């Protein structure tokens, strides 16, 4: 019985020893990245400015794509909210015991979504 306990302890120690170099390498890489960001905090901004990234207007095709994407997301949100309202109404008609709680949570979610643009700004 004692031999089994010693063998299990050695196996655990070997597993720990196997993961140690990986952990040390990952920690070294992380510290190197933090040091580089600390030494050169604005290097990427200067490189983008040198390439002309912040001059002129937005690209027309990208702006058009973003506008269409926003329209689709508004449509999807309105459709989903309509479905939720219909399901909550059916729950009220069926006499579900948690219909009031779900209705309140739905209203709070709708209020958060409606004020999201103000929260982000």
C-alpha atoms as a PDB file:
ATOM      1  CA  UNK A   1       0.000   0.000   0.000  1.00  0.00           C
ATOM      2  CA  UNK A   2       2.834   2.383   0.841  1.00  0.00           C
ATOM      3  CA  UNK A   3       4.444   1.804  -2.565  1.00  0.00           C
ATOM      4  CA  UNK A   4       1.257   2.946  -4.303  1.00  0.00           C
ATOM      5  CA  UNK A   5       1.194   6.178  -2.328  1.00  0.00           C
ATOM      6  CA  UNK A   6       4.840   6.937  -3.094  1.00  0.00           C
ATOM      7  CA  UNK A   7       4.358   6.137  -6.776  1.00  0.00           C
ATOM      8  CA  UNK A   8       1.332   8.456  -6.965  1.00  0.00           C
ATOM      9  CA  UNK A   9       3.303  11.261  -5.318  1.00  0.00           C
ATOM     10  CA  UNK A  10       6.154  10.866  -7.819  1.00  0.00           C
ATOM     11  CA  UNK A  11       3.719  10.967 -10.742  1.00  0.00           C
ATOM     12  CA  UNK A  12       2.202  14.205  -9.424  1.00  0.00           C
ATOM     13  CA  UNK A  13       5.680  15.730  -9.000  1.00  0.00           C
ATOM     14  CA  UNK A  14       6.608  14.764 -12.565  1.00  0.00           C
ATOM     15  CA  UNK A  15       3.420  16.399 -13.889  1.00  0.00           C
ATOM     16  CA  UNK A  16       4.260  19.589 -12.002  1.00  0.00           C
ATOM     17  CA  UNK A  17       7.809  19.546 -13.328  1.00  0.00           C
ATOM     18  CA  UNK A  18       6.529  19.115 -16.898  1.00  0.00           C
ATOM     19  CA  UNK A  19       4.334  22.251 -16.694  1.00  0.00           C
ATOM     20  CA  UNK A  20       6.967  24.448 -15.061  1.00  0.00           C
ATOM     21  CA  UNK A  21       8.937  25.339 -18.254  1.00  0.00           C
ATOM     22  CA  UNK A  22       5.710  26.221 -20.072  1.00  0.00           C
ATOM     23  CA  UNK A  23       4.597  28.496 -17.241  1.00  0.00           C
ATOM     24  CA  UNK A  24       7.998  30.180 -17.015  1.00  0.00           C
ATOM     25  CA  UNK A  25       8.065  30.763 -20.789  1.00  0.00           C
ATOM     26  CA  UNK A  26       4.550  32.228 -20.782  1.00  0.00           C
ATOM     27  CA  UNK A  27       5.350  34.500 -17.839  1.00  0.00           C
ATOM     28  CA  UNK A  28       8.576  35.672 -19.487  1.00  0.00           C
ATOM     29  CA  UNK A  29       6.728  36.475 -22.708  1.00  0.00           C
ATOM     30  CA  UNK A  30       4.045  38.386 -20.831  1.00  0.00           C
ATOM     31  CA  UNK A  31       6.595  40.433 -18.898  1.00  0.00           C
ATOM     32  CA  UNK A  32       8.493  41.190 -22.123  1.00  0.00           C
ATOM     33  CA  UNK A  33       5.300  42.402 -23.804  1.00  0.00           C
ATOM     34  CA  UNK A  34       4.423  44.599 -20.823  1.00  0.00           C
ATOM     35  CA  UNK A  35       7.937  46.066 -20.823  1.00  0.00           C
ATOM     36  CA  UNK A  36       7.747  46.850 -24.558  1.00  0.00           C
ATOM     37  CA  UNK A  37       4.369  48.528 -24.179  1.00  0.00           C
ATOM     38  CA  UNK A  38       5.741  50.525 -21.251  1.00  0.00           C
ATOM     39  CA  UNK A  39       8.834  51.635 -23.172  1.00  0.00           C
ATOM     40  CA  UNK A  40       7.070  52.370 -26.477  1.00  0.00           C
ATOM     41  CA  UNK A  41       3.477  53.295 -25.551  1.00  0.00           C
ATOM     42  CA  UNK A  42       2.693  55.343 -28.684  1.00  0.00           C
ATOM     43  CA  UNK A  43       4.762  53.485 -31.261  1.00  0.00           C
ATOM     44  CA  UNK A  44       1.757  51.960 -33.023  1.00  0.00           C
ATOM     45  CA  UNK A  45       0.016  55.350 -33.196  1.00  0.00           C
ATOM     46  CA  UNK A  46       3.071  56.972 -34.770  1.00  0.00           C
ATOM     47  CA  UNK A  47       3.318  54.160 -37.304  1.00  0.00           C
ATOM     48  CA  UNK A  48      -0.353  54.592 -38.282  1.00  0.00           C
ATOM     49  CA  UNK A  49       0.041  58.362 -38.593  1.00  0.00           C
ATOM     50  CA  UNK A  50       3.105  57.904 -40.779  1.00  0.00           C
ATOM     51  CA  UNK A  51       1.076  55.611 -43.026  1.00  0.00           C
ATOM     52  CA  UNK A  52      -1.647  58.261 -43.356  1.00  0.00           C
ATOM     53  CA  UNK A  53      -4.297  56.391 -41.405  1.00  0.00           C
ATOM     54  CA  UNK A  54      -5.851  59.433 -39.699  1.00  0.00           C
ATOM     55  CA  UNK A  55      -6.009  61.791 -42.674  1.00  0.00           C
ATOM     56  CA  UNK A  56      -9.107  62.396 -44.746  1.00  0.00           C
ATOM     57  CA  UNK A  57     -12.609  60.999 -44.386  1.00  0.00           C
ATOM     58  CA  UNK A  58     -13.907  57.529 -43.699  1.00  0.00           C
ATOM     59  CA  UNK A  59     -13.937  55.062 -46.569  1.00  0.00           C
ATOM     60  CA  UNK A  60     -17.316  55.270 -48.310  1.00  0.00           C
ATOM     61  CA  UNK A  61     -17.859  51.536 -48.672  1.00  0.00           C
ATOM     62  CA  UNK A  62     -17.088  50.869 -45.027  1.00  0.00           C
ATOM     63  CA  UNK A  63     -19.398  53.677 -43.861  1.00  0.00           C
ATOM     64  CA  UNK A  64     -22.190  52.306 -46.085  1.00  0.00           C
ATOM     65  CA  UNK A  65     -21.653  48.806 -44.695  1.00  0.00           C
ATOM     66  CA  UNK A  66     -21.787  50.068 -41.094  1.00  0.00           C
ATOM     67  CA  UNK A  67     -25.015  51.982 -41.782  1.00  0.00           C
ATOM     68  CA  UNK A  68     -26.661  48.889 -43.269  1.00  0.00           C
ATOM     69  CA  UNK A  69     -25.408  46.772 -40.381  1.00  0.00           C
ATOM     70  CA  UNK A  70     -26.902  49.210 -37.864  1.00  0.00           C
ATOM     71  CA  UNK A  71     -30.241  49.100 -39.711  1.00  0.00           C
ATOM     72  CA  UNK A  72     -30.228  45.309 -39.674  1.00  0.00           C
ATOM     73  CA  UNK A  73     -29.406  45.200 -35.962  1.00  0.00           C
ATOM     74  CA  UNK A  74     -32.245  47.614 -35.170  1.00  0.00           C
ATOM     75  CA  UNK A  75     -34.643  45.456 -37.209  1.00  0.00           C
ATOM     76  CA  UNK A  76     -33.409  42.299 -35.476  1.00  0.00           C
ATOM     77  CA  UNK A  77     -33.767  43.897 -32.038  1.00  0.00           C
ATOM     78  CA  UNK A  78     -37.282  45.134 -32.786  1.00  0.00           C
ATOM     79  CA  UNK A  79     -38.322  41.716 -34.072  1.00  0.00           C
ATOM     80  CA  UNK A  80     -36.867  39.969 -31.035  1.00  0.00           C
ATOM     81  CA  UNK A  81     -38.535  42.406 -28.642  1.00  0.00           C
ATOM     82  CA  UNK A  82     -41.868  41.902 -30.415  1.00  0.00           C
ATOM     83  CA  UNK A  83     -41.494  38.157 -29.995  1.00  0.00           C
ATOM     84  CA  UNK A  84     -40.642  38.522 -26.298  1.00  0.00           C
ATOM     85  CA  UNK A  85     -43.668  40.769 -25.741  1.00  0.00           C
ATOM     86  CA  UNK A  86     -45.913  38.244 -27.509  1.00  0.00           C
ATOM     87  CA  UNK A  87     -44.567  35.359 -25.408  1.00  0.00           C
ATOM     88  CA  UNK A  88     -45.024  37.330 -22.170  1.00  0.00           C
ATOM     89  CA  UNK A  89     -48.592  38.199 -23.207  1.00  0.00           C
ATOM     90  CA  UNK A  90     -49.318  34.514 -23.840  1.00  0.00           C
ATOM     91  CA  UNK A  91     -47.846  33.701 -20.421  1.00  0.00           C
ATOM     92  CA  UNK A  92     -50.205  36.237 -18.799  1.00  0.00           C
ATOM     93  CA  UNK A  93     -53.194  34.767 -20.637  1.00  0.00           C
ATOM     94  CA  UNK A  94     -52.213  31.247 -19.600  1.00  0.00           C
ATOM     95  CA  UNK A  95     -51.845  32.317 -15.968  1.00  0.00           C
ATOM     96  CA  UNK A  96     -48.156  31.514 -15.600  1.00  0.00           C
ATOM     97  CA  UNK A  97     -46.908  32.098 -12.050  1.00  0.00           C
ATOM     98  CA  UNK A  98     -43.737  33.967 -13.118  1.00  0.00           C
ATOM     99  CA  UNK A  99     -45.268  36.103 -15.882  1.00  0.00           C
ATOM    100  CA  UNK A 100     -45.045  39.299 -13.815  1.00  0.00           C
ATOM    101  CA  UNK A 101     -41.371  38.759 -13.036  1.00  0.00           C
ATOM    102  CA  UNK A 102     -40.527  38.080 -16.671  1.00  0.00           C
ATOM    103  CA  UNK A 103     -42.534  41.133 -17.780  1.00  0.00           C
ATOM    104  CA  UNK A 104     -40.609  43.370 -15.364  1.00  0.00           C
ATOM    105  CA  UNK A 105     -37.275  41.944 -16.535  1.00  0.00           C
ATOM    106  CA  UNK A 106     -38.346  42.529 -20.142  1.00  0.00           C
ATOM    107  CA  UNK A 107     -39.205  46.161 -19.410  1.00  0.00           C
ATOM    108  CA  UNK A 108     -35.894  46.711 -17.633  1.00  0.00           C
ATOM    109  CA  UNK A 109     -34.047  45.166 -20.601  1.00  0.00           C
ATOM    110  CA  UNK A 110     -35.978  47.348 -23.024  1.00  0.00           C
ATOM    111  CA  UNK A 111     -35.120  50.448 -20.973  1.00  0.00           C
ATOM    112  CA  UNK A 112     -31.429  49.497 -20.988  1.00  0.00           C
ATOM    113  CA  UNK A 113     -31.468  48.951 -24.741  1.00  0.00           C
ATOM    114  CA  UNK A 114     -33.277  52.247 -25.323  1.00  0.00           C
ATOM    115  CA  UNK A 115     -30.733  54.182 -23.258  1.00  0.00           C
ATOM    116  CA  UNK A 116     -27.680  52.315 -24.563  1.00  0.00           C
ATOM    117  CA  UNK A 117     -26.591  55.107 -26.891  1.00  0.00           C
ATOM    118  CA  UNK A 118     -26.640  57.548 -23.980  1.00  0.00           C
ATOM    119  CA  UNK A 119     -24.702  55.140 -21.778  1.00  0.00           C
ATOM    120  CA  UNK A 120     -22.011  54.619 -24.433  1.00  0.00           C
ATOM    121  CA  UNK A 121     -21.640  58.356 -25.066  1.00  0.00           C
END
